[in-house]
Every structure is written in C-alpha cells, then in structure tokens.
Amino acid sequence: MRQALAAAVGEATPPLTFRANSGGLFLEEFRSDPEINRMLFELYGH
C-alpha cells in the first residue's frame, strides 16, 4: 500500500482516479499507519 500511494503522490496521479481504481473506502483501513495517513491526506486533503 505504501508503494502504491508513494507512486501516486510522486507521479501527481489525480486523486479521484486513484481512489476510484482502489475501492475508496478500502483505503481508510490503512490510516492507522502514519505514513499512509500522510500520503492519503496529501492526495485527498483529508
């Protein structure tokens, strides 16, 4: 998950595209990881 999010952040992948392809709410399960949470915040602003 970290690698996929890091790639999305690094490539400036449009967040809606990434979220739509990954199941959206599925990502919320990973927010307990501080680095993943930071990247999700960077991509989605929340």
N, C-alpha and C. Protein backbone atom coordinates (compact mmCIF):
# COMPACT_ATOMS: atom_id res chain seq x y z
N MET A 1 0.82 -1.17 0.00
CA MET A 1 0.00 0.00 0.00
C MET A 1 0.88 1.25 0.00
N ARG A 2 1.93 1.21 0.81
CA ARG A 2 2.82 2.38 0.85
C ARG A 2 3.43 2.66 -0.52
N GLN A 3 3.85 1.64 -1.21
CA GLN A 3 4.47 1.83 -2.52
C GLN A 3 3.47 2.41 -3.52
N ALA A 4 2.26 1.92 -3.52
CA ALA A 4 1.25 2.42 -4.46
C ALA A 4 0.92 3.88 -4.18
N LEU A 5 0.77 4.23 -2.90
CA LEU A 5 0.47 5.62 -2.55
C LEU A 5 1.65 6.53 -2.85
N ALA A 6 2.86 6.06 -2.56
CA ALA A 6 4.04 6.86 -2.85
C ALA A 6 4.16 7.11 -4.35
N ALA A 7 3.84 6.13 -5.16
CA ALA A 7 3.87 6.31 -6.62
C ALA A 7 2.82 7.32 -7.05
N ALA A 8 1.63 7.25 -6.47
CA ALA A 8 0.57 8.20 -6.82
C ALA A 8 0.96 9.61 -6.44
N VAL A 9 1.55 9.78 -5.26
CA VAL A 9 2.00 11.10 -4.81
C VAL A 9 3.13 11.58 -5.72
N GLY A 10 4.09 10.73 -6.00
CA GLY A 10 5.24 11.10 -6.81
C GLY A 10 4.90 11.43 -8.25
N GLU A 11 3.90 10.78 -8.77
CA GLU A 11 3.50 10.99 -10.16
C GLU A 11 2.40 12.03 -10.29
N ALA A 12 1.96 12.56 -9.18
CA ALA A 12 0.84 13.51 -9.17
C ALA A 12 -0.39 12.92 -9.85
N THR A 13 -0.65 11.65 -9.57
CA THR A 13 -1.83 10.98 -10.10
C THR A 13 -3.07 11.68 -9.58
N PRO A 14 -4.01 12.00 -10.44
CA PRO A 14 -5.23 12.64 -9.95
C PRO A 14 -5.89 11.77 -8.88
N PRO A 15 -6.16 12.32 -7.69
CA PRO A 15 -6.69 11.53 -6.58
C PRO A 15 -7.97 10.78 -6.90
N LEU A 16 -8.88 11.40 -7.63
CA LEU A 16 -10.14 10.74 -7.93
C LEU A 16 -9.90 9.47 -8.73
N THR A 17 -8.99 9.51 -9.68
CA THR A 17 -8.66 8.33 -10.48
C THR A 17 -8.11 7.22 -9.59
N PHE A 18 -7.16 7.56 -8.73
CA PHE A 18 -6.56 6.56 -7.86
C PHE A 18 -7.61 5.99 -6.92
N ARG A 19 -8.42 6.84 -6.34
CA ARG A 19 -9.43 6.39 -5.39
C ARG A 19 -10.46 5.50 -6.07
N ALA A 20 -10.88 5.88 -7.26
CA ALA A 20 -11.88 5.09 -7.97
C ALA A 20 -11.34 3.70 -8.31
N ASN A 21 -10.07 3.62 -8.64
CA ASN A 21 -9.48 2.34 -9.01
C ASN A 21 -9.15 1.47 -7.81
N SER A 22 -9.08 2.05 -6.63
CA SER A 22 -8.65 1.28 -5.47
C SER A 22 -9.77 0.93 -4.50
N GLY A 23 -10.97 1.35 -4.77
CA GLY A 23 -12.08 0.99 -3.91
C GLY A 23 -12.43 2.04 -2.87
N GLY A 24 -11.75 3.16 -2.83
CA GLY A 24 -12.11 4.28 -1.97
C GLY A 24 -12.07 3.98 -0.49
N LEU A 25 -13.16 3.47 0.05
CA LEU A 25 -13.25 3.23 1.50
C LEU A 25 -12.24 2.19 1.97
N PHE A 26 -11.83 1.33 1.10
CA PHE A 26 -10.80 0.33 1.41
C PHE A 26 -9.55 1.00 1.98
N LEU A 27 -9.21 2.18 1.46
CA LEU A 27 -8.01 2.88 1.90
C LEU A 27 -8.09 3.34 3.35
N GLU A 28 -9.28 3.57 3.84
CA GLU A 28 -9.46 4.05 5.21
C GLU A 28 -8.90 3.07 6.24
N GLU A 29 -8.87 1.80 5.91
CA GLU A 29 -8.34 0.78 6.82
C GLU A 29 -6.87 1.00 7.14
N PHE A 30 -6.16 1.71 6.28
CA PHE A 30 -4.72 1.88 6.42
C PHE A 30 -4.33 3.18 7.11
N ARG A 31 -5.30 3.99 7.51
CA ARG A 31 -5.00 5.29 8.10
C ARG A 31 -4.30 5.21 9.45
N SER A 32 -4.29 4.05 10.09
CA SER A 32 -3.59 3.92 11.36
C SER A 32 -2.08 3.98 11.18
N ASP A 33 -1.61 3.75 9.96
CA ASP A 33 -0.18 3.87 9.64
C ASP A 33 0.09 5.35 9.35
N PRO A 34 0.94 6.00 10.15
CA PRO A 34 1.16 7.44 9.99
C PRO A 34 1.63 7.86 8.60
N GLU A 35 2.48 7.07 7.97
CA GLU A 35 2.98 7.43 6.64
C GLU A 35 1.88 7.30 5.59
N ILE A 36 1.10 6.25 5.68
CA ILE A 36 -0.03 6.08 4.76
C ILE A 36 -1.04 7.19 4.97
N ASN A 37 -1.33 7.50 6.22
CA ASN A 37 -2.27 8.58 6.51
C ASN A 37 -1.79 9.91 5.92
N ARG A 38 -0.48 10.17 6.04
CA ARG A 38 0.08 11.40 5.49
C ARG A 38 -0.10 11.45 3.97
N MET A 39 0.17 10.34 3.30
CA MET A 39 0.04 10.30 1.85
C MET A 39 -1.41 10.43 1.41
N LEU A 40 -2.32 9.77 2.14
CA LEU A 40 -3.74 9.91 1.82
C LEU A 40 -4.19 11.35 2.00
N PHE A 41 -3.70 12.00 3.05
CA PHE A 41 -4.03 13.41 3.25
C PHE A 41 -3.49 14.25 2.11
N GLU A 42 -2.27 13.94 1.68
CA GLU A 42 -1.67 14.69 0.57
C GLU A 42 -2.48 14.51 -0.72
N LEU A 43 -2.96 13.29 -0.96
CA LEU A 43 -3.72 13.03 -2.17
C LEU A 43 -5.14 13.59 -2.12
N TYR A 44 -5.80 13.44 -0.97
CA TYR A 44 -7.22 13.75 -0.89
C TYR A 44 -7.56 14.97 -0.04
N GLY A 45 -6.59 15.46 0.71
CA GLY A 45 -6.83 16.65 1.52
C GLY A 45 -7.63 16.40 2.78
N HIS A 46 -7.78 15.15 3.16
CA HIS A 46 -8.47 14.82 4.43
C HIS A 46 -8.04 13.47 4.92
